[in-house]
N, C-alpha and C. Protein backbone atom coordinates (compact mmCIF):
# COMPACT_ATOMS: atom_id res chain seq x y z
N MET A 1 141.33 117.51 74.71
CA MET A 1 140.38 116.64 74.03
C MET A 1 139.41 117.67 73.34
N ASP A 2 139.06 117.38 72.16
CA ASP A 2 138.18 118.31 71.43
C ASP A 2 136.80 117.66 71.11
N LEU A 3 136.15 117.23 72.18
CA LEU A 3 134.79 116.67 72.12
C LEU A 3 133.77 117.70 72.30
N ILE A 4 132.75 117.71 71.48
CA ILE A 4 131.55 118.64 71.73
C ILE A 4 130.37 117.74 72.09
N PRO A 5 129.81 118.03 73.27
CA PRO A 5 128.66 117.26 73.75
C PRO A 5 127.36 117.72 73.14
N GLU A 6 126.45 116.89 73.16
CA GLU A 6 125.02 117.27 72.97
C GLU A 6 124.52 117.85 74.22
N ALA A 7 123.96 119.08 74.14
CA ALA A 7 123.36 119.73 75.34
C ALA A 7 121.87 119.71 75.20
N ILE A 8 121.18 119.10 76.26
CA ILE A 8 119.71 118.98 76.19
C ILE A 8 119.15 119.53 77.48
N GLN A 9 118.16 120.38 77.40
CA GLN A 9 117.51 120.93 78.50
C GLN A 9 116.08 120.39 78.64
N PHE A 10 115.58 120.11 79.90
CA PHE A 10 114.34 119.63 80.16
C PHE A 10 113.51 120.44 81.07
N GLY A 11 112.20 120.44 80.89
CA GLY A 11 111.37 121.04 81.94
C GLY A 11 110.87 119.96 82.84
N PRO A 12 110.10 120.26 83.89
CA PRO A 12 109.55 119.16 84.79
C PRO A 12 108.75 118.06 83.97
N SER A 13 108.83 116.84 84.58
CA SER A 13 108.23 115.74 83.98
C SER A 13 107.82 114.70 85.06
N GLY A 14 106.57 114.62 85.31
CA GLY A 14 106.17 113.72 86.38
C GLY A 14 106.78 114.21 87.63
N ALA A 15 107.34 113.35 88.44
CA ALA A 15 107.98 113.62 89.71
C ALA A 15 109.44 114.13 89.47
N MET A 16 109.94 114.13 88.25
CA MET A 16 111.27 114.59 87.98
C MET A 16 111.28 116.14 87.79
N PRO A 17 111.97 116.79 88.66
CA PRO A 17 112.00 118.32 88.53
C PRO A 17 112.74 118.79 87.40
N ASN A 18 113.86 118.10 87.00
CA ASN A 18 114.86 118.49 86.04
C ASN A 18 115.43 119.81 86.40
N ASN A 19 116.50 120.26 85.75
CA ASN A 19 117.17 121.46 86.11
C ASN A 19 116.85 122.52 85.20
N PRO A 20 116.20 123.68 85.62
CA PRO A 20 115.79 124.73 84.65
C PRO A 20 116.96 125.59 84.19
N TRP A 21 118.12 125.51 84.74
CA TRP A 21 119.20 126.34 84.38
C TRP A 21 120.34 125.68 83.59
N LEU A 22 120.62 124.37 83.95
CA LEU A 22 121.69 123.65 83.45
C LEU A 22 121.30 122.59 82.50
N PRO A 23 121.85 122.44 81.33
CA PRO A 23 121.50 121.39 80.38
C PRO A 23 122.39 120.09 80.80
N MET A 24 121.72 119.02 80.38
CA MET A 24 122.33 117.69 80.53
C MET A 24 123.27 117.59 79.28
N LEU A 25 124.41 116.90 79.39
CA LEU A 25 125.40 116.79 78.37
C LEU A 25 125.62 115.37 78.03
N VAL A 26 125.67 114.99 76.78
CA VAL A 26 125.96 113.69 76.30
C VAL A 26 127.17 113.71 75.41
N TYR A 27 128.24 113.01 75.85
CA TYR A 27 129.50 112.96 74.99
C TYR A 27 129.42 111.58 74.32
N ARG A 28 129.59 111.59 73.06
CA ARG A 28 129.73 110.34 72.23
C ARG A 28 131.12 110.03 72.03
N GLY A 29 131.57 108.76 72.35
CA GLY A 29 132.93 108.37 72.15
C GLY A 29 133.92 109.20 72.93
N ALA A 30 133.59 109.45 74.23
CA ALA A 30 134.56 110.11 75.09
C ALA A 30 135.82 109.31 75.21
N LEU A 31 135.67 108.04 75.22
CA LEU A 31 136.91 107.09 75.24
C LEU A 31 136.80 106.23 73.98
N PRO A 32 137.93 105.88 73.40
CA PRO A 32 137.93 105.06 72.25
C PRO A 32 137.32 103.66 72.53
N ALA A 33 136.62 103.02 71.54
CA ALA A 33 135.98 101.77 71.68
C ALA A 33 136.94 100.67 72.07
N ASP A 34 138.16 100.79 71.67
CA ASP A 34 139.18 99.75 71.88
C ASP A 34 139.97 99.97 73.19
N THR A 35 139.52 100.77 74.11
CA THR A 35 140.16 100.96 75.37
C THR A 35 140.08 99.64 76.11
N VAL A 36 141.20 99.10 76.59
CA VAL A 36 141.27 97.83 77.24
C VAL A 36 140.50 97.72 78.53
N ASP A 37 140.66 98.63 79.42
CA ASP A 37 139.93 98.63 80.80
C ASP A 37 139.15 100.03 80.82
N MET A 38 138.05 100.03 80.13
CA MET A 38 137.31 101.29 80.02
C MET A 38 136.84 101.80 81.47
N ALA A 39 136.51 100.97 82.36
CA ALA A 39 136.03 101.41 83.69
C ALA A 39 137.23 102.21 84.36
N ALA A 40 138.42 101.48 84.36
CA ALA A 40 139.57 102.18 84.90
C ALA A 40 139.93 103.48 84.23
N ALA A 41 139.73 103.55 82.92
CA ALA A 41 140.04 104.75 82.13
C ALA A 41 139.06 105.85 82.52
N PHE A 42 137.81 105.50 82.71
CA PHE A 42 136.81 106.46 83.12
C PHE A 42 137.20 107.03 84.52
N GLU A 43 137.50 106.18 85.43
CA GLU A 43 137.89 106.59 86.77
C GLU A 43 139.02 107.44 86.75
N ALA A 44 139.97 107.21 85.90
CA ALA A 44 141.19 108.02 85.84
C ALA A 44 140.82 109.37 85.13
N LEU A 45 139.98 109.35 84.12
CA LEU A 45 139.68 110.63 83.39
C LEU A 45 138.78 111.51 84.29
N PHE A 46 137.80 110.91 84.92
CA PHE A 46 136.97 111.79 85.75
C PHE A 46 137.84 112.26 86.96
N GLY A 47 138.62 111.52 87.46
CA GLY A 47 139.48 111.93 88.57
C GLY A 47 140.35 113.08 88.28
N ARG A 48 141.06 112.96 87.11
CA ARG A 48 141.91 114.01 86.61
C ARG A 48 141.22 115.36 86.51
N ASN A 49 139.79 115.28 86.23
CA ASN A 49 139.11 116.45 86.02
C ASN A 49 138.23 116.85 87.21
N GLY A 50 138.55 116.33 88.42
CA GLY A 50 137.91 116.85 89.60
C GLY A 50 136.64 116.15 89.96
N TRP A 51 136.24 115.05 89.34
CA TRP A 51 135.06 114.35 89.60
C TRP A 51 135.47 112.92 90.02
N PRO A 52 135.84 112.75 91.30
CA PRO A 52 136.23 111.40 91.68
C PRO A 52 135.23 110.28 91.51
N ALA A 53 135.57 109.20 90.96
CA ALA A 53 134.63 108.05 90.77
C ALA A 53 134.19 107.51 92.05
N GLN A 54 132.87 107.20 92.15
CA GLN A 54 132.30 106.71 93.37
C GLN A 54 131.85 105.25 93.40
N TRP A 55 131.53 104.76 92.11
CA TRP A 55 130.95 103.42 92.00
C TRP A 55 131.05 102.83 90.62
N ARG A 56 130.95 101.59 90.50
CA ARG A 56 130.69 100.79 89.26
C ARG A 56 129.47 100.02 89.47
N ASN A 57 128.64 100.19 88.44
CA ASN A 57 127.40 99.39 88.58
C ASN A 57 126.58 99.59 87.27
N GLY A 58 125.24 99.45 87.27
CA GLY A 58 124.42 99.74 86.10
C GLY A 58 123.69 101.02 86.33
N ILE A 59 122.58 101.30 85.80
CA ILE A 59 121.71 102.45 85.95
C ILE A 59 120.40 101.93 86.41
N TYR A 60 119.82 102.49 87.41
CA TYR A 60 118.53 101.98 87.95
C TYR A 60 117.46 101.93 86.83
N SER A 61 116.61 100.93 86.98
CA SER A 61 115.54 100.78 85.95
C SER A 61 114.21 101.46 86.34
N TYR A 62 114.33 102.34 87.15
CA TYR A 62 113.19 103.22 87.46
C TYR A 62 113.53 104.73 87.46
N HIS A 63 112.60 105.53 87.23
CA HIS A 63 112.85 106.99 87.17
C HIS A 63 113.35 107.40 88.49
N HIS A 64 114.45 108.18 88.51
CA HIS A 64 114.96 108.76 89.70
C HIS A 64 115.83 110.03 89.33
N TYR A 65 116.20 110.75 90.38
CA TYR A 65 117.07 111.86 90.22
C TYR A 65 117.83 112.13 91.45
N HIS A 66 118.79 113.01 91.35
CA HIS A 66 119.66 113.36 92.55
C HIS A 66 119.43 114.86 92.82
N ALA A 67 118.76 115.21 93.88
CA ALA A 67 118.41 116.57 94.22
C ALA A 67 119.56 117.44 94.56
N ASP A 68 120.57 116.86 95.22
CA ASP A 68 121.61 117.63 95.84
C ASP A 68 122.97 117.45 95.25
N VAL A 69 123.07 116.89 94.03
CA VAL A 69 124.37 116.54 93.46
C VAL A 69 124.28 116.45 91.91
N HIS A 70 125.29 116.88 91.26
CA HIS A 70 125.46 116.67 89.82
C HIS A 70 126.12 115.24 89.71
N GLU A 71 125.91 114.60 88.59
CA GLU A 71 126.40 113.23 88.39
C GLU A 71 126.91 113.01 86.98
N VAL A 72 127.96 112.25 86.89
CA VAL A 72 128.46 111.90 85.57
C VAL A 72 128.38 110.36 85.50
N LEU A 73 128.01 109.82 84.38
CA LEU A 73 127.88 108.43 84.15
C LEU A 73 128.76 108.08 82.94
N GLY A 74 129.73 107.26 83.06
CA GLY A 74 130.55 106.82 81.96
C GLY A 74 130.14 105.31 81.61
N ILE A 75 129.77 105.10 80.38
CA ILE A 75 129.39 103.73 80.03
C ILE A 75 130.72 102.91 79.64
N ALA A 76 131.04 102.00 80.50
CA ALA A 76 132.26 101.29 80.45
C ALA A 76 132.10 99.99 79.65
N ARG A 77 130.96 99.45 79.62
CA ARG A 77 130.78 98.15 78.95
C ARG A 77 129.34 98.04 78.56
N GLY A 78 128.99 97.56 77.33
CA GLY A 78 127.60 97.35 76.91
C GLY A 78 127.02 98.50 76.28
N ALA A 79 125.74 98.50 76.12
CA ALA A 79 124.90 99.51 75.48
C ALA A 79 123.54 99.51 76.15
N THR A 80 122.78 100.59 76.10
CA THR A 80 121.45 100.59 76.74
C THR A 80 120.72 101.87 76.23
N GLU A 81 119.44 101.88 76.49
CA GLU A 81 118.64 103.06 76.17
C GLU A 81 118.31 103.59 77.61
N VAL A 82 118.60 104.96 77.68
CA VAL A 82 118.29 105.62 78.97
C VAL A 82 117.26 106.70 78.61
N LEU A 83 116.20 106.71 79.40
CA LEU A 83 115.20 107.77 79.34
C LEU A 83 115.57 108.90 80.20
N LEU A 84 115.96 110.02 79.65
CA LEU A 84 116.43 111.17 80.36
C LEU A 84 115.38 112.32 80.45
N GLY A 85 115.30 112.90 81.65
CA GLY A 85 114.32 114.00 81.79
C GLY A 85 112.94 113.60 82.28
N GLY A 86 112.77 112.30 82.69
CA GLY A 86 111.54 111.82 83.24
C GLY A 86 110.59 111.19 82.17
N PRO A 87 109.37 110.85 82.53
CA PRO A 87 108.48 110.16 81.64
C PRO A 87 108.22 110.73 80.34
N GLU A 88 108.21 112.00 80.29
CA GLU A 88 108.01 112.76 78.97
C GLU A 88 109.32 113.25 78.34
N GLY A 89 110.52 112.62 78.84
CA GLY A 89 111.81 113.06 78.47
C GLY A 89 112.29 112.55 77.11
N LEU A 90 113.47 112.32 76.87
CA LEU A 90 114.19 111.91 75.72
C LEU A 90 114.82 110.60 75.87
N SER A 91 114.59 109.62 75.01
CA SER A 91 115.28 108.34 75.07
C SER A 91 116.57 108.50 74.27
N VAL A 92 117.62 108.14 74.90
CA VAL A 92 119.00 108.21 74.32
C VAL A 92 119.63 106.84 74.47
N THR A 93 120.20 106.38 73.34
CA THR A 93 120.97 105.10 73.38
C THR A 93 122.44 105.39 73.58
N VAL A 94 123.07 104.81 74.57
CA VAL A 94 124.47 105.01 74.82
C VAL A 94 125.21 103.70 74.81
N ALA A 95 126.50 103.76 74.56
CA ALA A 95 127.21 102.59 74.42
C ALA A 95 128.63 102.78 75.02
N ALA A 96 129.36 101.74 75.15
CA ALA A 96 130.69 101.89 75.74
C ALA A 96 131.55 103.04 75.22
N GLY A 97 132.06 103.82 75.99
CA GLY A 97 132.86 104.99 75.66
C GLY A 97 132.02 106.29 75.73
N ASP A 98 130.69 106.23 75.83
CA ASP A 98 129.84 107.42 76.00
C ASP A 98 129.79 107.86 77.43
N VAL A 99 129.49 109.14 77.63
CA VAL A 99 129.33 109.82 78.92
C VAL A 99 128.13 110.74 78.86
N ILE A 100 127.33 110.61 80.06
CA ILE A 100 126.16 111.47 80.33
C ILE A 100 126.54 112.27 81.61
N VAL A 101 126.40 113.59 81.46
CA VAL A 101 126.56 114.52 82.61
C VAL A 101 125.21 115.09 82.99
N LEU A 102 124.77 114.81 84.12
CA LEU A 102 123.45 115.11 84.66
C LEU A 102 123.48 116.19 85.71
N PRO A 103 122.95 117.38 85.46
CA PRO A 103 122.84 118.42 86.52
C PRO A 103 121.88 117.98 87.56
N ALA A 104 122.03 118.42 88.74
CA ALA A 104 121.14 118.11 89.93
C ALA A 104 119.69 118.25 89.48
N GLY A 105 118.84 117.22 89.79
CA GLY A 105 117.42 117.29 89.55
C GLY A 105 117.05 116.60 88.30
N THR A 106 117.95 116.19 87.36
CA THR A 106 117.61 115.57 86.14
C THR A 106 117.24 114.12 86.21
N GLY A 107 116.06 113.79 85.80
CA GLY A 107 115.55 112.46 85.88
C GLY A 107 116.36 111.57 84.87
N HIS A 108 116.49 110.31 85.27
CA HIS A 108 117.03 109.29 84.39
C HIS A 108 116.63 107.88 84.74
N ARG A 109 116.52 107.07 83.75
CA ARG A 109 116.02 105.66 83.96
C ARG A 109 116.55 104.75 82.86
N ASN A 110 117.08 103.57 83.28
CA ASN A 110 117.63 102.58 82.20
C ASN A 110 116.32 101.84 81.74
N MET A 111 116.12 101.95 80.44
CA MET A 111 114.94 101.34 79.87
C MET A 111 115.19 99.89 79.34
N THR A 112 116.47 99.59 79.15
CA THR A 112 116.76 98.22 78.74
C THR A 112 117.89 97.57 79.46
N PRO A 113 117.62 97.28 80.80
CA PRO A 113 118.68 96.73 81.58
C PRO A 113 119.28 95.49 80.98
N GLU A 114 120.61 95.52 80.84
CA GLU A 114 121.33 94.51 80.21
C GLU A 114 122.41 93.96 81.28
N ALA A 115 122.57 92.63 81.20
CA ALA A 115 123.40 92.00 82.24
C ALA A 115 124.84 92.53 82.07
N ASP A 116 125.26 92.87 80.90
CA ASP A 116 126.71 93.16 80.65
C ASP A 116 126.98 94.73 80.76
N LEU A 117 125.89 95.55 81.15
CA LEU A 117 126.08 96.96 81.24
C LEU A 117 127.01 97.27 82.44
N LEU A 118 128.02 98.11 82.27
CA LEU A 118 128.81 98.48 83.35
C LEU A 118 129.03 100.06 83.22
N THR A 119 128.65 100.69 84.25
CA THR A 119 128.64 102.20 84.33
C THR A 119 129.54 102.68 85.48
N VAL A 120 130.40 103.67 85.22
CA VAL A 120 131.14 104.29 86.25
C VAL A 120 130.47 105.64 86.60
N GLY A 121 130.13 105.74 87.88
CA GLY A 121 129.47 106.95 88.40
C GLY A 121 130.46 107.83 89.16
N ALA A 122 130.37 109.11 88.97
CA ALA A 122 131.22 110.12 89.65
C ALA A 122 130.47 111.36 90.02
N TYR A 123 130.98 112.14 91.06
CA TYR A 123 130.38 113.33 91.49
C TYR A 123 131.54 114.28 91.78
N PRO A 124 131.21 115.65 91.83
CA PRO A 124 132.18 116.53 92.23
C PRO A 124 132.67 116.27 93.71
N PRO A 125 133.82 116.78 94.09
CA PRO A 125 134.27 116.44 95.45
C PRO A 125 133.40 116.88 96.55
N GLY A 126 133.25 116.07 97.52
CA GLY A 126 132.48 116.38 98.69
C GLY A 126 130.98 116.19 98.53
N ALA A 127 130.51 115.75 97.29
CA ALA A 127 129.17 115.57 97.06
C ALA A 127 128.67 114.30 97.70
N VAL A 128 127.42 114.27 98.18
CA VAL A 128 126.74 113.09 98.68
C VAL A 128 125.61 112.73 97.86
N CYS A 129 125.56 111.59 97.27
CA CYS A 129 124.49 111.20 96.39
C CYS A 129 123.27 110.84 97.09
N ASP A 130 122.14 111.35 96.64
CA ASP A 130 120.85 111.12 97.11
C ASP A 130 120.02 110.49 96.04
N VAL A 131 119.29 109.49 96.20
CA VAL A 131 118.47 108.95 95.17
C VAL A 131 116.98 109.26 95.45
N ARG A 132 116.36 110.03 94.58
CA ARG A 132 114.97 110.50 94.82
C ARG A 132 114.00 109.97 93.72
N ARG A 133 112.82 109.67 94.13
CA ARG A 133 111.82 109.31 93.30
C ARG A 133 110.56 110.10 93.33
N ASP A 134 110.54 110.87 94.42
CA ASP A 134 109.36 111.77 94.76
C ASP A 134 109.64 113.15 94.33
N PRO A 135 108.61 113.94 94.21
CA PRO A 135 108.83 115.37 93.83
C PRO A 135 109.66 116.03 94.97
N LEU A 136 110.34 116.99 94.60
CA LEU A 136 111.12 117.78 95.66
C LEU A 136 110.09 118.67 96.38
N PRO A 137 110.53 118.97 97.61
CA PRO A 137 109.73 119.84 98.48
C PRO A 137 109.59 121.27 97.89
N PRO A 138 108.79 122.17 98.51
CA PRO A 138 108.60 123.53 97.93
C PRO A 138 109.94 124.30 97.75
N ASP A 139 111.00 124.02 98.49
CA ASP A 139 112.31 124.68 98.25
C ASP A 139 113.10 124.07 97.24
N ALA A 140 112.53 123.15 96.29
CA ALA A 140 113.32 122.44 95.35
C ALA A 140 114.20 123.25 94.44
N LEU A 141 113.66 124.34 93.95
CA LEU A 141 114.49 125.05 93.03
C LEU A 141 115.67 125.79 93.80
N ALA A 142 115.43 126.23 94.91
CA ALA A 142 116.50 126.84 95.76
C ALA A 142 117.60 125.77 96.10
N ARG A 143 117.13 124.56 96.45
CA ARG A 143 118.11 123.48 96.76
C ARG A 143 118.93 123.15 95.59
N MET A 144 118.30 122.97 94.30
CA MET A 144 119.00 122.66 93.19
C MET A 144 119.98 123.76 92.77
N ARG A 145 119.61 124.98 92.87
CA ARG A 145 120.45 126.06 92.49
C ARG A 145 121.58 126.26 93.47
N SER A 146 121.48 125.81 94.72
CA SER A 146 122.56 125.83 95.74
C SER A 146 123.68 124.77 95.58
N VAL A 147 123.44 123.77 94.72
CA VAL A 147 124.41 122.68 94.57
C VAL A 147 125.65 123.29 94.10
N SER A 148 126.81 122.86 94.69
CA SER A 148 128.15 123.43 94.37
C SER A 148 128.32 123.30 92.77
N PHE A 149 128.96 124.29 92.30
CA PHE A 149 129.19 124.34 90.82
C PHE A 149 130.54 123.75 90.50
N PRO A 150 130.63 122.71 89.62
CA PRO A 150 131.88 122.10 89.35
C PRO A 150 132.64 123.09 88.35
N MET A 151 133.95 123.21 88.64
CA MET A 151 134.80 124.14 87.87
C MET A 151 135.33 123.44 86.68
N ARG A 152 135.28 122.15 86.53
CA ARG A 152 135.92 121.40 85.44
C ARG A 152 134.76 120.49 84.78
N ASP A 153 134.87 120.32 83.47
CA ASP A 153 134.13 119.23 82.75
C ASP A 153 134.69 117.97 83.13
N PRO A 154 133.87 116.98 83.46
CA PRO A 154 134.47 115.65 83.89
C PRO A 154 135.16 114.91 82.70
N VAL A 155 134.94 115.31 81.45
CA VAL A 155 135.48 114.72 80.27
C VAL A 155 136.65 115.57 79.78
N THR A 156 136.42 116.81 79.55
CA THR A 156 137.39 117.69 78.86
C THR A 156 138.06 118.66 79.73
N GLY A 157 137.84 118.71 81.01
CA GLY A 157 138.58 119.59 81.91
C GLY A 157 138.10 120.99 81.96
N ALA A 158 139.06 121.82 82.44
CA ALA A 158 138.70 123.30 82.65
C ALA A 158 138.30 124.13 81.42
N ALA A 159 138.79 123.65 80.30
CA ALA A 159 138.50 124.31 79.00
C ALA A 159 137.35 123.69 78.25
N GLY A 160 136.70 122.72 78.92
CA GLY A 160 135.64 121.90 78.27
C GLY A 160 134.34 122.69 78.16
N ALA A 161 133.33 121.99 77.69
CA ALA A 161 132.00 122.56 77.53
C ALA A 161 131.28 122.91 78.76
N LEU A 162 131.36 122.08 79.84
CA LEU A 162 130.63 122.22 80.98
C LEU A 162 130.77 123.68 81.65
N PRO A 163 132.00 124.15 81.90
CA PRO A 163 132.03 125.54 82.52
C PRO A 163 131.43 126.59 81.67
N ARG A 164 131.43 126.44 80.39
CA ARG A 164 130.85 127.40 79.41
C ARG A 164 129.28 127.24 79.43
N LEU A 165 128.83 126.02 79.29
CA LEU A 165 127.45 125.74 79.12
C LEU A 165 126.62 125.89 80.42
N TRP A 166 127.37 125.64 81.56
CA TRP A 166 126.76 125.74 82.86
C TRP A 166 127.03 127.08 83.55
N ALA A 167 127.46 128.08 82.91
CA ALA A 167 127.79 129.38 83.46
C ALA A 167 126.45 129.98 84.03
N ARG A 168 126.56 130.52 85.17
CA ARG A 168 125.31 130.96 85.85
C ARG A 168 125.37 132.50 85.73
C-alpha cells in the first residue's frame, strides 16, 4: 500500500502531555469508501500488521490520552471532527476509511459526537489501554518513552511510514 500519512507533532496542552518524540499520523482513505464491512476490514488490516483490534465504538467526547500505550483508530462509519493534541491542539475532520495513529500521551477528543460514528480501536500486542484525563506524574516522560515500540505500521506494515517516522 502506497499511502503517505500526515505527520503532526504536538507540545503539551492543558493536561495532555502529548508525545515529544513521536508524531501522530493521519491516513486519508486507508480503506476505499465502498468497502462493504469497513469495521471488519479495519480489524483484518490492523491484525495483519501486528495491531490486534480491541474494540468497536465511538471516540470519547472529552479530552483524554493513553499514557502507557500507542493507539490506532480506524473510522469505519460516519464522519467527525476530532481535536488532537489537547485544548490548544489541531481540529481534524475524519471520515469512513481514515485512520489516526496516536503515540502514547497524545490527547484526543471527539468534538462532534454522531450517532452513526463507528471506530475500530487497536493497540500493539500485549498493550493495556489506560484512559487518562489528568496530568501524568513526574515520571511521565520516562513512562511514555518506555512504551513498547511497534515494529509495523498498522496500515502499511513493516515498510510503512511508522517505523521510519517513529525511529528513536
